[in-house]
């Protein structure tokens, strides 16, 4: 009988279709050794973000044919090594779009209205913080989107329709957009002309540390930077320096170079910085959607069908 390993606790209803097709083993305690052992004779693996699937890991899994990743990014999977072994790497590029777009807007609103600052001062008894007029309105402000895939597009729609924001976007793979979106010629046009800059990119060699000191310096002094995509795209030291010097209005990060960020990271001391623990896609509804979609990809494979979302299809010649 074929074997499927699910590397995280999952709603049992989602597992029913897999159990009807294969033996299913669930590793629910983030135990890397137990996961490695379970995968030794497994054909399919459903995995989230807590474990890195390296070439060394794959070398101990000779029967593995499918890695189904819950989420859009697959940077914790050595896709090249998997492709060399003929392993399908699946992801769930549509399942978390709504939740991440909403989280992006929540961070934009929190920065604009200075909710964290006002809360802290109110708790400290400084009610007069209200007189400093720290919040700003979103109406008429420009939201710049670096990356204009499904999440960026939905964030743009919500920002424009609900808050009257102007939208400026750059994506080298996008040639057309809605009438309310101005497609920029390059990154610099977006960062120099936006009041809020939101990143929606995969982590690739060419995007690593894209937002370095030079890029951040092109932003308006009172602008805000939001990253809900992947850690490593923002140079965290450069960001902290800009926040500490007052060269940037504020920032919000849901993702980090090291997760969790180290307790001695300069991020912990940076002013006007909101941090959330890579939680944009972890709503009650979204965790079910991504797990369901990841399981459906495995079920399709077990049924001899082509899964919908094969991240490395081109590398495999599919």
C-alpha atoms as a PDB file:
ATOM      1  CA  UNK A   1       0.000   0.000   0.000  1.00  0.00           C
ATOM      2  CA  UNK A   2       1.252   3.494  -0.787  1.00  0.00           C
ATOM      3  CA  UNK A   3       2.266   5.668   2.147  1.00  0.00           C
ATOM      4  CA  UNK A   4       1.616   9.367   2.770  1.00  0.00           C
ATOM      5  CA  UNK A   5       3.315  11.325   5.549  1.00  0.00           C
ATOM      6  CA  UNK A   6       1.640  14.510   6.781  1.00  0.00           C
ATOM      7  CA  UNK A   7       4.169  16.644   8.652  1.00  0.00           C
ATOM      8  CA  UNK A   8       1.761  18.587  10.856  1.00  0.00           C
ATOM      9  CA  UNK A   9      -1.453  18.143  12.791  1.00  0.00           C
ATOM     10  CA  UNK A  10      -4.323  18.418  10.320  1.00  0.00           C
ATOM     11  CA  UNK A  11      -8.099  18.390  10.467  1.00  0.00           C
ATOM     12  CA  UNK A  12      -9.134  14.766  10.266  1.00  0.00           C
ATOM     13  CA  UNK A  13     -11.776  15.455   7.613  1.00  0.00           C
ATOM     14  CA  UNK A  14      -9.009  16.604   5.275  1.00  0.00           C
ATOM     15  CA  UNK A  15      -7.173  13.334   5.782  1.00  0.00           C
ATOM     16  CA  UNK A  16     -10.155  11.114   4.944  1.00  0.00           C
ATOM     17  CA  UNK A  17      -9.571  11.148   1.143  1.00  0.00           C
ATOM     18  CA  UNK A  18      -5.900  10.320   1.722  1.00  0.00           C
ATOM     19  CA  UNK A  19      -6.710   7.484   4.123  1.00  0.00           C
ATOM     20  CA  UNK A  20      -9.054   6.027   1.497  1.00  0.00           C
ATOM     21  CA  UNK A  21      -6.119   5.813  -0.924  1.00  0.00           C
ATOM     22  CA  UNK A  22      -3.040   5.140   1.198  1.00  0.00           C
ATOM     23  CA  UNK A  23      -1.536   4.542   4.593  1.00  0.00           C
ATOM     24  CA  UNK A  24      -1.315   7.937   6.311  1.00  0.00           C
ATOM     25  CA  UNK A  25       1.183   8.797   9.037  1.00  0.00           C
ATOM     26  CA  UNK A  26       0.856  12.148  10.818  1.00  0.00           C
ATOM     27  CA  UNK A  27       3.879  13.724  12.523  1.00  0.00           C
ATOM     28  CA  UNK A  28       2.271  16.340  14.741  1.00  0.00           C
ATOM     29  CA  UNK A  29       5.093  17.311  17.101  1.00  0.00           C
ATOM     30  CA  UNK A  30       7.655  18.978  14.801  1.00  0.00           C
ATOM     31  CA  UNK A  31      10.063  16.097  15.398  1.00  0.00           C
ATOM     32  CA  UNK A  32      12.596  16.143  12.543  1.00  0.00           C
ATOM     33  CA  UNK A  33      13.983  12.694  13.367  1.00  0.00           C
ATOM     34  CA  UNK A  34      10.517  11.130  13.456  1.00  0.00           C
ATOM     35  CA  UNK A  35       9.658  12.789  10.147  1.00  0.00           C
ATOM     36  CA  UNK A  36      12.841  11.531   8.501  1.00  0.00           C
ATOM     37  CA  UNK A  37      12.156   8.009   9.732  1.00  0.00           C
ATOM     38  CA  UNK A  38       8.530   8.102   8.593  1.00  0.00           C
ATOM     39  CA  UNK A  39       9.532   9.261   5.110  1.00  0.00           C
ATOM     40  CA  UNK A  40      12.056   6.473   4.584  1.00  0.00           C
ATOM     41  CA  UNK A  41       9.469   4.363   2.750  1.00  0.00           C
ATOM     42  CA  UNK A  42       6.880   7.049   1.946  1.00  0.00           C
ATOM     43  CA  UNK A  43       5.750   7.995  -1.542  1.00  0.00           C
ATOM     44  CA  UNK A  44       4.120  11.337  -0.649  1.00  0.00           C
ATOM     45  CA  UNK A  45       4.878  14.047   1.901  1.00  0.00           C
ATOM     46  CA  UNK A  46       2.622  16.943   2.892  1.00  0.00           C
ATOM     47  CA  UNK A  47       4.665  19.590   4.674  1.00  0.00           C
ATOM     48  CA  UNK A  48       4.472  23.138   6.003  1.00  0.00           C
ATOM     49  CA  UNK A  49       7.260  25.524   7.000  1.00  0.00           C
ATOM     50  CA  UNK A  50       8.777  24.028  10.143  1.00  0.00           C
ATOM     51  CA  UNK A  51      11.195  21.626   8.428  1.00  0.00           C
ATOM     52  CA  UNK A  52      13.704  22.117   5.617  1.00  0.00           C
ATOM     53  CA  UNK A  53      13.560  19.407   2.975  1.00  0.00           C
ATOM     54  CA  UNK A  54      17.215  19.277   1.979  1.00  0.00           C
ATOM     55  CA  UNK A  55      19.146  17.094  -0.440  1.00  0.00           C
ATOM     56  CA  UNK A  56      20.386  15.126   2.565  1.00  0.00           C
ATOM     57  CA  UNK A  57      16.803  14.599   3.727  1.00  0.00           C
ATOM     58  CA  UNK A  58      15.768  13.412   0.253  1.00  0.00           C
ATOM     59  CA  UNK A  59      18.678  10.991   0.077  1.00  0.00           C
ATOM     60  CA  UNK A  60      17.038   9.053   2.913  1.00  0.00           C
ATOM     61  CA  UNK A  61      13.678   8.910   1.091  1.00  0.00           C
ATOM     62  CA  UNK A  62      14.275   6.752  -2.000  1.00  0.00           C
ATOM     63  CA  UNK A  63      10.579   6.133  -2.696  1.00  0.00           C
ATOM     64  CA  UNK A  64       9.422   9.736  -2.392  1.00  0.00           C
ATOM     65  CA  UNK A  65       7.549  10.980  -5.481  1.00  0.00           C
ATOM     66  CA  UNK A  66       5.533  13.963  -4.214  1.00  0.00           C
ATOM     67  CA  UNK A  67       6.221  16.828  -1.799  1.00  0.00           C
ATOM     68  CA  UNK A  68       3.051  18.888  -1.327  1.00  0.00           C
ATOM     69  CA  UNK A  69       3.750  22.207   0.384  1.00  0.00           C
ATOM     70  CA  UNK A  70       1.002  24.028   2.274  1.00  0.00           C
ATOM     71  CA  UNK A  71       1.407  27.607   1.062  1.00  0.00           C
ATOM     72  CA  UNK A  72       2.749  29.520  -1.911  1.00  0.00           C
ATOM     73  CA  UNK A  73       6.453  29.635  -1.128  1.00  0.00           C
ATOM     74  CA  UNK A  74       8.584  26.520  -1.348  1.00  0.00           C
ATOM     75  CA  UNK A  75      11.860  28.010  -0.110  1.00  0.00           C
ATOM     76  CA  UNK A  76      12.162  25.396   2.639  1.00  0.00           C
ATOM     77  CA  UNK A  77      12.273  22.692  -0.057  1.00  0.00           C
ATOM     78  CA  UNK A  78      15.386  22.070  -2.153  1.00  0.00           C
ATOM     79  CA  UNK A  79      13.436  22.123  -5.398  1.00  0.00           C
ATOM     80  CA  UNK A  80      16.495  21.473  -7.567  1.00  0.00           C
ATOM     81  CA  UNK A  81      17.394  18.360  -5.594  1.00  0.00           C
ATOM     82  CA  UNK A  82      13.784  17.175  -5.718  1.00  0.00           C
ATOM     83  CA  UNK A  83      13.609  17.780  -9.464  1.00  0.00           C
ATOM     84  CA  UNK A  84      16.806  15.800 -10.043  1.00  0.00           C
ATOM     85  CA  UNK A  85      15.116  12.886  -8.295  1.00  0.00           C
ATOM     86  CA  UNK A  86      11.939  13.267 -10.348  1.00  0.00           C
ATOM     87  CA  UNK A  87       9.909  14.355  -7.330  1.00  0.00           C
ATOM     88  CA  UNK A  88       6.851  16.522  -7.916  1.00  0.00           C
ATOM     89  CA  UNK A  89       6.907  19.645  -5.736  1.00  0.00           C
ATOM     90  CA  UNK A  90       3.365  20.939  -5.276  1.00  0.00           C
ATOM     91  CA  UNK A  91       2.161  24.127  -3.624  1.00  0.00           C
ATOM     92  CA  UNK A  92      -1.116  25.926  -2.941  1.00  0.00           C
ATOM     93  CA  UNK A  93      -0.812  29.309  -4.688  1.00  0.00           C
ATOM     94  CA  UNK A  94      -4.460  30.337  -4.462  1.00  0.00           C
ATOM     95  CA  UNK A  95      -5.539  29.058  -1.068  1.00  0.00           C
ATOM     96  CA  UNK A  96      -3.964  31.789   1.056  1.00  0.00           C
ATOM     97  CA  UNK A  97      -4.525  34.790  -1.234  1.00  0.00           C
ATOM     98  CA  UNK A  98      -7.459  36.232   0.712  1.00  0.00           C
ATOM     99  CA  UNK A  99      -5.909  35.836   4.143  1.00  0.00           C
ATOM    100  CA  UNK A 100      -2.533  37.343   3.223  1.00  0.00           C
ATOM    101  CA  UNK A 101      -4.172  40.254   1.404  1.00  0.00           C
ATOM    102  CA  UNK A 102      -6.329  40.954   4.458  1.00  0.00           C
ATOM    103  CA  UNK A 103      -3.306  40.729   6.772  1.00  0.00           C
ATOM    104  CA  UNK A 104      -1.466  43.158   4.513  1.00  0.00           C
ATOM    105  CA  UNK A 105      -4.314  45.633   4.805  1.00  0.00           C
ATOM    106  CA  UNK A 106      -4.455  45.122   8.578  1.00  0.00           C
ATOM    107  CA  UNK A 107      -0.766  46.046   8.859  1.00  0.00           C
ATOM    108  CA  UNK A 108      -1.223  49.066   6.597  1.00  0.00           C
ATOM    109  CA  UNK A 109      -4.115  50.264   8.760  1.00  0.00           C
ATOM    110  CA  UNK A 110      -2.211  49.624  11.989  1.00  0.00           C
ATOM    111  CA  UNK A 111       0.726  51.664  10.718  1.00  0.00           C
ATOM    112  CA  UNK A 112      -1.426  54.454   9.335  1.00  0.00           C
ATOM    113  CA  UNK A 113      -3.437  54.771  12.527  1.00  0.00           C
ATOM    114  CA  UNK A 114      -0.395  54.137  14.764  1.00  0.00           C
ATOM    115  CA  UNK A 115      -2.370  51.586  16.756  1.00  0.00           C
ATOM    116  CA  UNK A 116       0.624  49.987  18.491  1.00  0.00           C
ATOM    117  CA  UNK A 117       2.074  53.350  19.568  1.00  0.00           C
ATOM    118  CA  UNK A 118      -1.253  54.699  20.793  1.00  0.00           C
ATOM    119  CA  UNK A 119      -2.004  51.494  22.670  1.00  0.00           C
ATOM    120  CA  UNK A 120       1.363  51.499  24.437  1.00  0.00           C
ATOM    121  CA  UNK A 121       1.087  55.138  25.499  1.00  0.00           C
ATOM    122  CA  UNK A 122      -2.507  54.721  26.662  1.00  0.00           C
ATOM    123  CA  UNK A 123      -1.517  51.724  28.805  1.00  0.00           C
ATOM    124  CA  UNK A 124       1.329  53.813  30.244  1.00  0.00           C
ATOM    125  CA  UNK A 125      -1.091  56.551  31.276  1.00  0.00           C
ATOM    126  CA  UNK A 126      -0.107  58.999  28.541  1.00  0.00           C
ATOM    127  CA  UNK A 127      -3.549  59.942  27.286  1.00  0.00           C
ATOM    128  CA  UNK A 128      -2.180  63.135  25.779  1.00  0.00           C
ATOM    129  CA  UNK A 129      -0.515  61.099  23.004  1.00  0.00           C
ATOM    130  CA  UNK A 130      -3.773  61.742  21.174  1.00  0.00           C
ATOM    131  CA  UNK A 131      -2.772  65.386  20.743  1.00  0.00           C
ATOM    132  CA  UNK A 132       0.353  64.540  18.744  1.00  0.00           C
ATOM    133  CA  UNK A 133      -1.711  63.679  15.656  1.00  0.00           C
ATOM    134  CA  UNK A 134       0.396  60.634  14.806  1.00  0.00           C
ATOM    135  CA  UNK A 135      -2.171  58.784  12.634  1.00  0.00           C
ATOM    136  CA  UNK A 136      -2.689  59.521   8.962  1.00  0.00           C
ATOM    137  CA  UNK A 137      -5.615  58.877   6.631  1.00  0.00           C
ATOM    138  CA  UNK A 138      -5.376  56.325   3.843  1.00  0.00           C
ATOM    139  CA  UNK A 139      -7.698  58.121   1.451  1.00  0.00           C
ATOM    140  CA  UNK A 140      -5.695  59.586  -1.409  1.00  0.00           C
ATOM    141  CA  UNK A 141      -2.443  57.956  -0.304  1.00  0.00           C
ATOM    142  CA  UNK A 142      -0.435  55.804  -2.721  1.00  0.00           C
ATOM    143  CA  UNK A 143       0.035  52.100  -2.110  1.00  0.00           C
ATOM    144  CA  UNK A 144       3.033  50.750  -3.975  1.00  0.00           C
ATOM    145  CA  UNK A 145       3.079  47.021  -4.659  1.00  0.00           C
ATOM    146  CA  UNK A 146       6.316  45.229  -5.414  1.00  0.00           C
ATOM    147  CA  UNK A 147       5.008  42.083  -7.064  1.00  0.00           C
ATOM    148  CA  UNK A 148       1.536  42.003  -8.565  1.00  0.00           C
ATOM    149  CA  UNK A 149       0.389  38.417  -8.431  1.00  0.00           C
ATOM    150  CA  UNK A 150      -2.871  37.241  -6.907  1.00  0.00           C
ATOM    151  CA  UNK A 151      -2.136  38.587  -3.402  1.00  0.00           C
ATOM    152  CA  UNK A 152      -0.900  41.939  -4.637  1.00  0.00           C
ATOM    153  CA  UNK A 153      -3.919  42.315  -6.918  1.00  0.00           C
ATOM    154  CA  UNK A 154      -6.390  41.542  -4.143  1.00  0.00           C
ATOM    155  CA  UNK A 155      -4.646  43.921  -1.742  1.00  0.00           C
ATOM    156  CA  UNK A 156      -4.804  46.597  -4.445  1.00  0.00           C
ATOM    157  CA  UNK A 157      -8.511  45.990  -4.972  1.00  0.00           C
ATOM    158  CA  UNK A 158      -9.268  46.268  -1.263  1.00  0.00           C
ATOM    159  CA  UNK A 159      -7.065  49.327  -0.772  1.00  0.00           C
ATOM    160  CA  UNK A 160      -8.639  51.161  -3.691  1.00  0.00           C
ATOM    161  CA  UNK A 161     -12.271  50.165  -3.197  1.00  0.00           C
ATOM    162  CA  UNK A 162     -12.440  50.432   0.587  1.00  0.00           C
ATOM    163  CA  UNK A 163      -9.967  53.227   1.317  1.00  0.00           C
ATOM    164  CA  UNK A 164      -9.655  55.278  -1.859  1.00  0.00           C
ATOM    165  CA  UNK A 165      -5.929  54.630  -2.194  1.00  0.00           C
ATOM    166  CA  UNK A 166      -4.048  55.184  -5.430  1.00  0.00           C
ATOM    167  CA  UNK A 167      -2.266  52.068  -6.638  1.00  0.00           C
ATOM    168  CA  UNK A 168       1.221  51.882  -8.125  1.00  0.00           C
ATOM    169  CA  UNK A 169       2.636  48.452  -8.944  1.00  0.00           C
ATOM    170  CA  UNK A 170       5.703  46.840 -10.451  1.00  0.00           C
ATOM    171  CA  UNK A 171       5.954  43.273 -11.648  1.00  0.00           C
ATOM    172  CA  UNK A 172       8.192  42.371 -14.609  1.00  0.00           C
ATOM    173  CA  UNK A 173       5.788  39.588 -15.579  1.00  0.00           C
ATOM    174  CA  UNK A 174       2.629  41.730 -15.631  1.00  0.00           C
ATOM    175  CA  UNK A 175       1.734  43.796 -18.685  1.00  0.00           C
ATOM    176  CA  UNK A 176      -1.911  44.649 -17.979  1.00  0.00           C
ATOM    177  CA  UNK A 177      -3.823  45.689 -14.876  1.00  0.00           C
ATOM    178  CA  UNK A 178      -7.103  47.165 -13.764  1.00  0.00           C
ATOM    179  CA  UNK A 179      -7.836  50.777 -14.688  1.00  0.00           C
ATOM    180  CA  UNK A 180      -7.146  52.036 -11.162  1.00  0.00           C
ATOM    181  CA  UNK A 181      -3.620  50.525 -11.181  1.00  0.00           C
ATOM    182  CA  UNK A 182      -0.637  52.299 -12.667  1.00  0.00           C
ATOM    183  CA  UNK A 183       2.050  49.811 -13.700  1.00  0.00           C
ATOM    184  CA  UNK A 184       5.460  51.290 -12.976  1.00  0.00           C
ATOM    185  CA  UNK A 185       8.524  50.918 -15.163  1.00  0.00           C
ATOM    186  CA  UNK A 186      10.771  49.644 -12.361  1.00  0.00           C
ATOM    187  CA  UNK A 187      11.180  49.167  -8.604  1.00  0.00           C
ATOM    188  CA  UNK A 188      12.514  52.683  -8.104  1.00  0.00           C
ATOM    189  CA  UNK A 189       9.404  54.344  -9.487  1.00  0.00           C
ATOM    190  CA  UNK A 190       7.287  52.496  -6.928  1.00  0.00           C
ATOM    191  CA  UNK A 191       9.433  53.068  -3.848  1.00  0.00           C
ATOM    192  CA  UNK A 192      10.066  56.751  -4.604  1.00  0.00           C
ATOM    193  CA  UNK A 193       6.408  57.645  -5.117  1.00  0.00           C
ATOM    194  CA  UNK A 194       4.508  55.532  -2.590  1.00  0.00           C
ATOM    195  CA  UNK A 195       3.323  56.295   0.911  1.00  0.00           C
ATOM    196  CA  UNK A 196       3.076  52.586   1.678  1.00  0.00           C
ATOM    197  CA  UNK A 197       5.243  49.972  -0.043  1.00  0.00           C
ATOM    198  CA  UNK A 198       4.062  46.374   0.234  1.00  0.00           C
ATOM    199  CA  UNK A 199       6.228  43.468  -0.915  1.00  0.00           C
ATOM    200  CA  UNK A 200       4.686  40.439  -2.637  1.00  0.00           C
ATOM    201  CA  UNK A 201       7.625  38.519  -4.101  1.00  0.00           C
ATOM    202  CA  UNK A 202       9.089  35.040  -3.835  1.00  0.00           C
ATOM    203  CA  UNK A 203      12.508  34.686  -2.239  1.00  0.00           C
ATOM    204  CA  UNK A 204      14.914  34.078  -5.116  1.00  0.00           C
ATOM    205  CA  UNK A 205      18.620  34.844  -5.572  1.00  0.00           C
ATOM    206  CA  UNK A 206      17.661  38.022  -7.422  1.00  0.00           C
ATOM    207  CA  UNK A 207      15.203  39.175  -4.723  1.00  0.00           C
ATOM    208  CA  UNK A 208      17.359  38.406  -1.670  1.00  0.00           C
ATOM    209  CA  UNK A 209      18.112  41.680   0.152  1.00  0.00           C
ATOM    210  CA  UNK A 210      16.333  43.552  -2.640  1.00  0.00           C
ATOM    211  CA  UNK A 211      15.271  46.096  -0.025  1.00  0.00           C
ATOM    212  CA  UNK A 212      18.761  47.021   1.069  1.00  0.00           C
ATOM    213  CA  UNK A 213      19.969  50.383   2.368  1.00  0.00           C
ATOM    214  CA  UNK A 214      20.052  51.844  -1.141  1.00  0.00           C
ATOM    215  CA  UNK A 215      16.497  50.806  -1.976  1.00  0.00           C
ATOM    216  CA  UNK A 216      15.108  51.908   1.387  1.00  0.00           C
ATOM    217  CA  UNK A 217      16.831  55.278   0.988  1.00  0.00           C
ATOM    218  CA  UNK A 218      14.735  55.904  -2.126  1.00  0.00           C
ATOM    219  CA  UNK A 219      11.524  55.763  -0.096  1.00  0.00           C
ATOM    220  CA  UNK A 220       9.805  58.855   1.260  1.00  0.00           C
ATOM    221  CA  UNK A 221      10.991  59.775   4.737  1.00  0.00           C
ATOM    222  CA  UNK A 222       7.490  59.302   6.168  1.00  0.00           C
ATOM    223  CA  UNK A 223       6.652  56.181   4.119  1.00  0.00           C
ATOM    224  CA  UNK A 224       5.889  52.734   5.519  1.00  0.00           C
ATOM    225  CA  UNK A 225       7.296  49.366   4.381  1.00  0.00           C
ATOM    226  CA  UNK A 226       5.264  46.151   4.688  1.00  0.00           C
ATOM    227  CA  UNK A 227       6.531  42.638   4.001  1.00  0.00           C
ATOM    228  CA  UNK A 228       4.147  39.662   4.121  1.00  0.00           C
ATOM    229  CA  UNK A 229       5.977  37.636   1.475  1.00  0.00           C
ATOM    230  CA  UNK A 230       9.306  36.127   2.535  1.00  0.00           C
ATOM    231  CA  UNK A 231      12.081  36.981   4.960  1.00  0.00           C
ATOM    232  CA  UNK A 232      15.400  37.684   3.296  1.00  0.00           C
ATOM    233  CA  UNK A 233      13.914  40.124   0.793  1.00  0.00           C
ATOM    234  CA  UNK A 234      14.354  42.968   3.303  1.00  0.00           C
ATOM    235  CA  UNK A 235      17.816  43.629   4.712  1.00  0.00           C
ATOM    236  CA  UNK A 236      16.800  43.768   8.361  1.00  0.00           C
ATOM    237  CA  UNK A 237      19.865  45.690   9.536  1.00  0.00           C
ATOM    238  CA  UNK A 238      19.312  48.329   6.863  1.00  0.00           C
ATOM    239  CA  UNK A 239      15.640  48.572   7.830  1.00  0.00           C
ATOM    240  CA  UNK A 240      16.465  48.998  11.509  1.00  0.00           C
ATOM    241  CA  UNK A 241      19.027  51.687  10.727  1.00  0.00           C
ATOM    242  CA  UNK A 242      16.440  53.602   8.678  1.00  0.00           C
ATOM    243  CA  UNK A 243      13.835  53.345  11.441  1.00  0.00           C
ATOM    244  CA  UNK A 244      16.257  54.357  14.162  1.00  0.00           C
ATOM    245  CA  UNK A 245      17.535  57.373  12.207  1.00  0.00           C
ATOM    246  CA  UNK A 246      14.047  58.536  11.257  1.00  0.00           C
ATOM    247  CA  UNK A 247      14.730  58.001   7.562  1.00  0.00           C
ATOM    248  CA  UNK A 248      11.577  55.865   7.316  1.00  0.00           C
ATOM    249  CA  UNK A 249       8.164  56.375   8.860  1.00  0.00           C
ATOM    250  CA  UNK A 250       7.626  52.810   9.982  1.00  0.00           C
ATOM    251  CA  UNK A 251       7.445  49.193   8.906  1.00  0.00           C
ATOM    252  CA  UNK A 252       5.549  45.948   9.446  1.00  0.00           C
ATOM    253  CA  UNK A 253       7.046  42.490   8.991  1.00  0.00           C
ATOM    254  CA  UNK A 254       5.286  39.154   9.027  1.00  0.00           C
ATOM    255  CA  UNK A 255       8.390  37.315   7.783  1.00  0.00           C
ATOM    256  CA  UNK A 256      12.032  37.337   8.841  1.00  0.00           C
ATOM    257  CA  UNK A 257      15.518  36.305   7.750  1.00  0.00           C
ATOM    258  CA  UNK A 258      15.631  33.928  10.694  1.00  0.00           C
ATOM    259  CA  UNK A 259      12.373  32.500  12.002  1.00  0.00           C
ATOM    260  CA  UNK A 260      11.724  33.063  14.768  1.00  0.00           C
ATOM    261  CA  UNK A 261      13.883  36.207  14.896  1.00  0.00           C
ATOM    262  CA  UNK A 262      16.594  36.039  17.544  1.00  0.00           C
ATOM    263  CA  UNK A 263      15.889  37.789  20.823  1.00  0.00           C
ATOM    264  CA  UNK A 264      18.990  39.955  20.377  1.00  0.00           C
ATOM    265  CA  UNK A 265      17.992  40.994  16.849  1.00  0.00           C
ATOM    266  CA  UNK A 266      18.012  44.778  16.290  1.00  0.00           C
ATOM    267  CA  UNK A 267      14.410  44.334  15.160  1.00  0.00           C
ATOM    268  CA  UNK A 268      13.433  43.950  18.807  1.00  0.00           C
ATOM    269  CA  UNK A 269      14.571  47.517  19.523  1.00  0.00           C
ATOM    270  CA  UNK A 270      13.541  49.235  16.287  1.00  0.00           C
ATOM    271  CA  UNK A 271      10.969  52.033  16.682  1.00  0.00           C
ATOM    272  CA  UNK A 272       7.599  52.015  14.931  1.00  0.00           C
ATOM    273  CA  UNK A 273       7.987  48.442  13.755  1.00  0.00           C
ATOM    274  CA  UNK A 274       5.121  45.949  13.910  1.00  0.00           C
ATOM    275  CA  UNK A 275       6.069  42.267  13.870  1.00  0.00           C
ATOM    276  CA  UNK A 276       3.748  39.294  13.461  1.00  0.00           C
ATOM    277  CA  UNK A 277       5.006  35.675  13.548  1.00  0.00           C
ATOM    278  CA  UNK A 278       4.651  34.607   9.882  1.00  0.00           C
ATOM    279  CA  UNK A 279       0.941  34.422  10.608  1.00  0.00           C
ATOM    280  CA  UNK A 280      -0.654  36.130   7.599  1.00  0.00           C
ATOM    281  CA  UNK A 281      -1.938  32.843   6.192  1.00  0.00           C
ATOM    282  CA  UNK A 282      -2.713  31.259   9.538  1.00  0.00           C
ATOM    283  CA  UNK A 283      -6.339  32.220   9.934  1.00  0.00           C
ATOM    284  CA  UNK A 284      -8.752  29.540  11.076  1.00  0.00           C
ATOM    285  CA  UNK A 285     -10.197  29.366   7.576  1.00  0.00           C
ATOM    286  CA  UNK A 286      -6.945  29.554   5.634  1.00  0.00           C
ATOM    287  CA  UNK A 287      -5.143  26.724   7.428  1.00  0.00           C
ATOM    288  CA  UNK A 288      -7.984  24.473   6.344  1.00  0.00           C
ATOM    289  CA  UNK A 289      -7.900  25.754   2.748  1.00  0.00           C
ATOM    290  CA  UNK A 290      -4.168  25.240   2.292  1.00  0.00           C
ATOM    291  CA  UNK A 291      -4.200  21.811   3.933  1.00  0.00           C
ATOM    292  CA  UNK A 292      -7.173  20.806   1.803  1.00  0.00           C
ATOM    293  CA  UNK A 293      -5.506  21.976  -1.398  1.00  0.00           C
ATOM    294  CA  UNK A 294      -2.215  20.279  -0.498  1.00  0.00           C
ATOM    295  CA  UNK A 295      -4.040  17.026   0.245  1.00  0.00           C
ATOM    296  CA  UNK A 296      -5.996  17.277  -3.010  1.00  0.00           C
ATOM    297  CA  UNK A 297      -2.717  17.467  -4.919  1.00  0.00           C
ATOM    298  CA  UNK A 298      -1.553  14.233  -3.302  1.00  0.00           C
ATOM    299  CA  UNK A 299      -4.927  12.568  -3.903  1.00  0.00           C
ATOM    300  CA  UNK A 300      -4.732  13.498  -7.584  1.00  0.00           C
ATOM    301  CA  UNK A 301      -1.293  11.913  -7.834  1.00  0.00           C
ATOM    302  CA  UNK A 302      -2.482   8.737  -6.104  1.00  0.00           C
ATOM    303  CA  UNK A 303      -5.384   8.572  -8.570  1.00  0.00           C
ATOM    304  CA  UNK A 304      -3.008   8.859 -11.508  1.00  0.00           C
ATOM    305  CA  UNK A 305      -4.118  12.414 -12.319  1.00  0.00           C
ATOM    306  CA  UNK A 306      -1.963  15.473 -12.872  1.00  0.00           C
ATOM    307  CA  UNK A 307      -2.052  17.667  -9.732  1.00  0.00           C
ATOM    308  CA  UNK A 308      -3.228  21.243 -10.333  1.00  0.00           C
ATOM    309  CA  UNK A 309      -0.230  23.086  -8.944  1.00  0.00           C
ATOM    310  CA  UNK A 310       3.152  21.579  -9.815  1.00  0.00           C
ATOM    311  CA  UNK A 311       5.781  24.136  -8.826  1.00  0.00           C
ATOM    312  CA  UNK A 312       8.622  22.402 -10.666  1.00  0.00           C
ATOM    313  CA  UNK A 313       6.655  21.314 -13.745  1.00  0.00           C
ATOM    314  CA  UNK A 314       9.081  23.020 -16.109  1.00  0.00           C
ATOM    315  CA  UNK A 315      12.119  21.425 -14.492  1.00  0.00           C
ATOM    316  CA  UNK A 316      10.456  18.029 -14.821  1.00  0.00           C
ATOM    317  CA  UNK A 317       9.463  18.650 -18.436  1.00  0.00           C
ATOM    318  CA  UNK A 318       5.753  18.447 -17.663  1.00  0.00           C
END
